Amino acid sequence: MSIIIMILLLSVLILVHEAGHFFAAKAFKMKVSKFGFGLPIGPTLWEK
């Protein structure tokens, strides 16, 4: 059970980290066409 909780917490940490990249790019008026989770081979959460 503790391994599952650790994986979930790590996933949330990665999601928040990637969202930081996304919002920093938006703050500097950069075009963002894709928001993904983790590595480039991971699932795309938002694409324009």
PDB file of N, CA and C in Angstrom:
ATOM      1  N   MET A   1       0.824  -1.200   0.000  1.00  0.00           N
ATOM      2  CA  MET A   1       0.000   0.000   0.000  1.00  0.00           C
ATOM      3  C   MET A   1       0.868   1.265   0.000  1.00  0.00           C
ATOM      4  N   SER A   2       1.970   1.230   0.746  1.00  0.00           N
ATOM      5  CA  SER A   2       2.820   2.419   0.819  1.00  0.00           C
ATOM      6  C   SER A   2       3.499   2.709  -0.519  1.00  0.00           C
ATOM      7  N   ILE A   3       3.735   1.677  -1.326  1.00  0.00           N
ATOM      8  CA  ILE A   3       4.336   1.893  -2.650  1.00  0.00           C
ATOM      9  C   ILE A   3       3.351   2.629  -3.555  1.00  0.00           C
ATOM     10  N   ILE A   4       2.094   2.275  -3.487  1.00  0.00           N
ATOM     11  CA  ILE A   4       1.066   2.940  -4.300  1.00  0.00           C
ATOM     12  C   ILE A   4       0.940   4.406  -3.899  1.00  0.00           C
ATOM     13  N   ILE A   5       0.948   4.676  -2.618  1.00  0.00           N
ATOM     14  CA  ILE A   5       0.869   6.058  -2.133  1.00  0.00           C
ATOM     15  C   ILE A   5       2.087   6.852  -2.598  1.00  0.00           C
ATOM     16  N   MET A   6       3.261   6.235  -2.543  1.00  0.00           N
ATOM     17  CA  MET A   6       4.477   6.916  -2.988  1.00  0.00           C
ATOM     18  C   MET A   6       4.422   7.226  -4.481  1.00  0.00           C
ATOM     19  N   ILE A   7       3.934   6.294  -5.284  1.00  0.00           N
ATOM     20  CA  ILE A   7       3.806   6.522  -6.723  1.00  0.00           C
ATOM     21  C   ILE A   7       2.821   7.649  -7.003  1.00  0.00           C
ATOM     22  N   LEU A   8       1.709   7.678  -6.290  1.00  0.00           N
ATOM     23  CA  LEU A   8       0.720   8.751  -6.463  1.00  0.00           C
ATOM     24  C   LEU A   8       1.304  10.110  -6.069  1.00  0.00           C
ATOM     25  N   LEU A   9       2.012  10.166  -4.966  1.00  0.00           N
ATOM     26  CA  LEU A   9       2.623  11.430  -4.532  1.00  0.00           C
ATOM     27  C   LEU A   9       3.685  11.897  -5.520  1.00  0.00           C
ATOM     28  N   LEU A  10       4.468  10.980  -6.038  1.00  0.00           N
ATOM     29  CA  LEU A  10       5.480  11.331  -7.021  1.00  0.00           C
ATOM     30  C   LEU A  10       4.831  11.826  -8.316  1.00  0.00           C
ATOM     31  N   SER A  11       3.718  11.209  -8.689  1.00  0.00           N
ATOM     32  CA  SER A  11       2.985  11.642  -9.886  1.00  0.00           C
ATOM     33  C   SER A  11       2.458  13.063  -9.726  1.00  0.00           C
ATOM     34  N   VAL A  12       1.933  13.379  -8.554  1.00  0.00           N
ATOM     35  CA  VAL A  12       1.443  14.736  -8.296  1.00  0.00           C
ATOM     36  C   VAL A  12       2.603  15.728  -8.333  1.00  0.00           C
ATOM     37  N   LEU A  13       3.737  15.353  -7.767  1.00  0.00           N
ATOM     38  CA  LEU A  13       4.906  16.218  -7.777  1.00  0.00           C
ATOM     39  C   LEU A  13       5.371  16.501  -9.210  1.00  0.00           C
ATOM     40  N   ILE A  14       5.402  15.481 -10.060  1.00  0.00           N
ATOM     41  CA  ILE A  14       5.804  15.658 -11.456  1.00  0.00           C
ATOM     42  C   ILE A  14       4.804  16.532 -12.195  1.00  0.00           C
ATOM     43  N   LEU A  15       3.510  16.322 -11.944  1.00  0.00           N
ATOM     44  CA  LEU A  15       2.469  17.122 -12.586  1.00  0.00           C
ATOM     45  C   LEU A  15       2.600  18.595 -12.226  1.00  0.00           C
ATOM     46  N   VAL A  16       2.841  18.892 -10.960  1.00  0.00           N
ATOM     47  CA  VAL A  16       3.020  20.280 -10.517  1.00  0.00           C
ATOM     48  C   VAL A  16       4.283  20.875 -11.137  1.00  0.00           C
ATOM     49  N   HIS A  17       5.336  20.084 -11.230  1.00  0.00           N
ATOM     50  CA  HIS A  17       6.584  20.559 -11.834  1.00  0.00           C
ATOM     51  C   HIS A  17       6.377  20.906 -13.310  1.00  0.00           C
ATOM     52  N   GLU A  18       5.716  20.033 -14.044  1.00  0.00           N
ATOM     53  CA  GLU A  18       5.464  20.277 -15.464  1.00  0.00           C
ATOM     54  C   GLU A  18       4.512  21.461 -15.662  1.00  0.00           C
ATOM     55  N   ALA A  19       3.554  21.627 -14.764  1.00  0.00           N
ATOM     56  CA  ALA A  19       2.651  22.773 -14.839  1.00  0.00           C
ATOM     57  C   ALA A  19       3.430  24.070 -14.624  1.00  0.00           C
ATOM     58  N   GLY A  20       4.478  24.026 -13.802  1.00  0.00           N
ATOM     59  CA  GLY A  20       5.327  25.190 -13.606  1.00  0.00           C
ATOM     60  C   GLY A  20       6.009  25.607 -14.898  1.00  0.00           C
ATOM     61  N   HIS A  21       6.491  24.633 -15.663  1.00  0.00           N
ATOM     62  CA  HIS A  21       7.079  24.929 -16.970  1.00  0.00           C
ATOM     63  C   HIS A  21       6.034  25.557 -17.894  1.00  0.00           C
ATOM     64  N   PHE A  22       4.843  24.989 -17.890  1.00  0.00           N
ATOM     65  CA  PHE A  22       3.756  25.465 -18.747  1.00  0.00           C
ATOM     66  C   PHE A  22       3.397  26.915 -18.428  1.00  0.00           C
ATOM     67  N   PHE A  23       3.182  27.220 -17.155  1.00  0.00           N
ATOM     68  CA  PHE A  23       2.772  28.573 -16.772  1.00  0.00           C
ATOM     69  C   PHE A  23       3.905  29.587 -16.915  1.00  0.00           C
ATOM     70  N   ALA A  24       5.150  29.142 -16.725  1.00  0.00           N
ATOM     71  CA  ALA A  24       6.280  30.045 -16.949  1.00  0.00           C
ATOM     72  C   ALA A  24       6.368  30.421 -18.427  1.00  0.00           C
ATOM     73  N   ALA A  25       6.165  29.451 -19.309  1.00  0.00           N
ATOM     74  CA  ALA A  25       6.188  29.738 -20.746  1.00  0.00           C
ATOM     75  C   ALA A  25       5.053  30.685 -21.120  1.00  0.00           C
ATOM     76  N   LYS A  26       3.870  30.449 -20.575  1.00  0.00           N
ATOM     77  CA  LYS A  26       2.734  31.334 -20.844  1.00  0.00           C
ATOM     78  C   LYS A  26       2.989  32.745 -20.317  1.00  0.00           C
ATOM     79  N   ALA A  27       3.642  32.857 -19.165  1.00  0.00           N
ATOM     80  CA  ALA A  27       3.929  34.169 -18.581  1.00  0.00           C
ATOM     81  C   ALA A  27       4.874  34.979 -19.463  1.00  0.00           C
ATOM     82  N   PHE A  28       5.760  34.302 -20.194  1.00  0.00           N
ATOM     83  CA  PHE A  28       6.688  34.968 -21.097  1.00  0.00           C
ATOM     84  C   PHE A  28       6.179  35.011 -22.523  1.00  0.00           C
ATOM     85  N   LYS A  29       4.870  34.782 -22.698  1.00  0.00           N
ATOM     86  CA  LYS A  29       4.190  34.889 -24.000  1.00  0.00           C
ATOM     87  C   LYS A  29       4.742  33.915 -25.051  1.00  0.00           C
ATOM     88  N   MET A  30       5.181  32.748 -24.594  1.00  0.00           N
ATOM     89  CA  MET A  30       5.652  31.730 -25.521  1.00  0.00           C
ATOM     90  C   MET A  30       4.474  30.867 -25.957  1.00  0.00           C
ATOM     91  N   LYS A  31       4.521  30.381 -27.178  1.00  0.00           N
ATOM     92  CA  LYS A  31       3.465  29.512 -27.684  1.00  0.00           C
ATOM     93  C   LYS A  31       3.655  28.111 -27.116  1.00  0.00           C
ATOM     94  N   VAL A  32       2.632  27.590 -26.475  1.00  0.00           N
ATOM     95  CA  VAL A  32       2.667  26.244 -25.920  1.00  0.00           C
ATOM     96  C   VAL A  32       1.608  25.429 -26.637  1.00  0.00           C
ATOM     97  N   SER A  33       2.038  24.415 -27.355  1.00  0.00           N
ATOM     98  CA  SER A  33       1.083  23.625 -28.128  1.00  0.00           C
ATOM     99  C   SER A  33       0.743  22.300 -27.461  1.00  0.00           C
ATOM    100  N   LYS A  34       1.516  21.909 -26.452  1.00  0.00           N
ATOM    101  CA  LYS A  34       1.309  20.600 -25.847  1.00  0.00           C
ATOM    102  C   LYS A  34       1.669  20.632 -24.371  1.00  0.00           C
ATOM    103  N   PHE A  35       0.850  20.015 -23.538  1.00  0.00           N
ATOM    104  CA  PHE A  35       1.154  19.862 -22.111  1.00  0.00           C
ATOM    105  C   PHE A  35       1.116  18.379 -21.805  1.00  0.00           C
ATOM    106  N   GLY A  36       2.275  17.836 -21.443  1.00  0.00           N
ATOM    107  CA  GLY A  36       2.371  16.404 -21.186  1.00  0.00           C
ATOM    108  C   GLY A  36       2.729  16.121 -19.752  1.00  0.00           C
ATOM    109  N   PHE A  37       2.769  14.855 -19.440  1.00  0.00           N
ATOM    110  CA  PHE A  37       3.050  14.387 -18.092  1.00  0.00           C
ATOM    111  C   PHE A  37       4.290  13.509 -18.132  1.00  0.00           C
ATOM    112  N   GLY A  38       5.384  13.973 -17.508  1.00  0.00           N
ATOM    113  CA  GLY A  38       6.591  13.159 -17.432  1.00  0.00           C
ATOM    114  C   GLY A  38       7.428  13.234 -18.689  1.00  0.00           C
ATOM    115  N   LEU A  39       7.898  12.103 -19.147  1.00  0.00           N
ATOM    116  CA  LEU A  39       8.768  12.029 -20.319  1.00  0.00           C
ATOM    117  C   LEU A  39       7.985  12.307 -21.595  1.00  0.00           C
ATOM    118  N   PRO A  40       8.690  12.628 -22.689  1.00  0.00           N
ATOM    119  CA  PRO A  40       7.998  12.894 -23.963  1.00  0.00           C
ATOM    120  C   PRO A  40       7.165  11.717 -24.465  1.00  0.00           C
ATOM    121  N   ILE A  41       7.466  10.514 -24.004  1.00  0.00           N
ATOM    122  CA  ILE A  41       6.679   9.360 -24.437  1.00  0.00           C
ATOM    123  C   ILE A  41       5.431   9.162 -23.578  1.00  0.00           C
ATOM    124  N   GLY A  42       5.294   9.970 -22.535  1.00  0.00           N
ATOM    125  CA  GLY A  42       4.137   9.865 -21.647  1.00  0.00           C
ATOM    126  C   GLY A  42       2.876  10.414 -22.308  1.00  0.00           C
ATOM    127  N   PRO A  43       1.751  10.293 -21.624  1.00  0.00           N
ATOM    128  CA  PRO A  43       0.486  10.762 -22.197  1.00  0.00           C
ATOM    129  C   PRO A  43       0.420  12.279 -22.304  1.00  0.00           C
ATOM    130  N   THR A  44      -0.222  12.758 -23.370  1.00  0.00           N
ATOM    131  CA  THR A  44      -0.448  14.191 -23.552  1.00  0.00           C
ATOM    132  C   THR A  44      -1.744  14.544 -22.843  1.00  0.00           C
ATOM    133  N   LEU A  45      -1.684  15.513 -21.937  1.00  0.00           N
ATOM    134  CA  LEU A  45      -2.873  15.903 -21.187  1.00  0.00           C
ATOM    135  C   LEU A  45      -3.654  17.000 -21.895  1.00  0.00           C
ATOM    136  N   TRP A  46      -2.945  17.826 -22.665  1.00  0.00           N
ATOM    137  CA  TRP A  46      -3.596  18.928 -23.375  1.00  0.00           C
ATOM    138  C   TRP A  46      -2.807  19.213 -24.635  1.00  0.00           C
ATOM    139  N   GLU A  47      -3.480  19.344 -25.750  1.00  0.00           N
ATOM    140  CA  GLU A  47      -2.811  19.643 -27.016  1.00  0.00           C
ATOM    141  C   GLU A  47      -3.665  20.597 -27.820  1.00  0.00           C
ATOM    142  N   LYS A  48      -3.013  21.547 -28.475  1.00  0.00           N
ATOM    143  CA  LYS A  48      -3.735  22.558 -29.244  1.00  0.00           C
ATOM    144  C   LYS A  48      -3.302  22.492 -30.685  1.00  0.00           C
TER     145      LYS A  48
END
